[in-house]
């Protein structure tokens, strides 16, 4: 993977990351900050809770469309409501 320190007063422009965890800002080619990491955390927590990715597509283009327009399937009701709320806020 790739990591770097983002200074709090700067916005980044690079487009590096695993496509399944790309935040909407990255797909729209907008500047971004640490919030994209919170999105990625939401994707990972969703995956751990469901064993499915929150957004999918048959190719990178369709995956990007899904991230921009779709809502992930609801998390299982057996999970604590606070966890469900946190994941929803991260995504």
Protein backbone atom coordinates (compact mmCIF):
# COMPACT_ATOMS: atom_id res chain seq x y z
CA UNK A 1 0.00 0.00 0.00
CA UNK A 2 0.83 3.64 -0.06
CA UNK A 3 0.75 5.99 2.89
CA UNK A 4 1.75 9.57 3.51
CA UNK A 5 1.21 12.31 6.04
CA UNK A 6 -1.36 14.88 5.02
CA UNK A 7 -0.83 18.27 6.62
CA UNK A 8 -4.01 19.65 8.15
CA UNK A 9 -3.91 22.77 6.00
CA UNK A 10 -3.44 20.96 2.71
CA UNK A 11 -5.69 19.02 0.41
CA UNK A 12 -4.26 16.21 -1.63
CA UNK A 13 -4.63 15.45 -5.34
CA UNK A 14 -3.19 11.95 -5.75
CA UNK A 15 -5.43 9.08 -6.86
CA UNK A 16 -3.99 6.04 -5.12
CA UNK A 17 -5.95 3.37 -3.32
CA UNK A 18 -7.86 0.12 -3.50
CA UNK A 19 -10.84 0.75 -5.80
CA UNK A 20 -13.31 -1.00 -3.46
CA UNK A 21 -12.54 1.58 -0.75
CA UNK A 22 -12.36 4.77 -2.84
CA UNK A 23 -14.29 7.67 -1.34
CA UNK A 24 -16.66 9.67 -3.55
CA UNK A 25 -14.23 12.63 -3.55
CA UNK A 26 -11.60 10.46 -5.20
CA UNK A 27 -13.99 9.20 -7.85
CA UNK A 28 -15.06 12.76 -8.66
CA UNK A 29 -11.35 13.77 -8.84
CA UNK A 30 -11.81 16.35 -6.09
CA UNK A 31 -9.28 17.43 -3.52
CA UNK A 32 -9.47 15.40 -0.34
CA UNK A 33 -8.25 15.21 3.22
CA UNK A 34 -8.21 12.68 6.07
CA UNK A 35 -11.98 12.12 5.71
CA UNK A 36 -11.32 9.64 2.89
CA UNK A 37 -9.64 7.43 5.50
CA UNK A 38 -12.84 7.48 7.56
CA UNK A 39 -14.73 6.34 4.47
CA UNK A 40 -12.23 3.50 4.01
CA UNK A 41 -12.69 2.51 7.65
CA UNK A 42 -16.45 2.39 7.08
CA UNK A 43 -15.92 0.10 4.08
CA UNK A 44 -13.70 -2.23 6.11
CA UNK A 45 -16.11 -2.35 9.08
CA UNK A 46 -18.98 -3.08 6.69
CA UNK A 47 -16.95 -5.89 5.11
CA UNK A 48 -16.09 -7.39 8.49
CA UNK A 49 -19.74 -7.27 9.59
CA UNK A 50 -21.26 -8.71 6.41
CA UNK A 51 -18.42 -10.49 4.58
CA UNK A 52 -19.47 -8.39 1.56
CA UNK A 53 -18.16 -5.12 0.17
CA UNK A 54 -20.56 -2.19 0.59
CA UNK A 55 -20.20 -1.21 -3.06
CA UNK A 56 -19.52 -3.44 -6.05
CA UNK A 57 -19.42 -3.27 -9.81
CA UNK A 58 -18.49 -5.54 -12.70
CA UNK A 59 -15.65 -3.14 -13.57
CA UNK A 60 -13.99 -0.01 -12.17
CA UNK A 61 -16.42 2.30 -13.96
CA UNK A 62 -19.51 0.56 -12.56
CA UNK A 63 -17.90 0.40 -9.11
CA UNK A 64 -17.41 4.18 -9.19
CA UNK A 65 -21.02 4.70 -10.23
CA UNK A 66 -22.17 2.47 -7.37
CA UNK A 67 -20.11 4.41 -4.82
CA UNK A 68 -21.51 7.72 -6.06
CA UNK A 69 -25.20 6.77 -6.27
CA UNK A 70 -26.01 3.61 -4.28
CA UNK A 71 -26.58 2.95 -0.61
CA UNK A 72 -25.09 -0.26 0.78
CA UNK A 73 -27.44 -2.99 1.92
CA UNK A 74 -28.47 -2.59 5.56
CA UNK A 75 -26.25 -4.21 8.16
CA UNK A 76 -27.69 -7.26 9.95
CA UNK A 77 -30.13 -6.35 12.73
CA UNK A 78 -28.25 -8.61 15.14
CA UNK A 79 -25.44 -6.03 15.23
CA UNK A 80 -25.63 -3.33 17.91
CA UNK A 81 -27.50 -0.24 16.80
CA UNK A 82 -24.54 1.95 17.78
CA UNK A 83 -22.27 -0.04 15.42
CA UNK A 84 -24.79 0.20 12.60
CA UNK A 85 -25.10 3.95 13.13
CA UNK A 86 -21.31 4.42 13.18
CA UNK A 87 -20.82 2.52 9.91
CA UNK A 88 -23.65 4.46 8.27
CA UNK A 89 -22.05 7.76 9.35
CA UNK A 90 -18.64 6.68 8.04
CA UNK A 91 -20.15 5.87 4.65
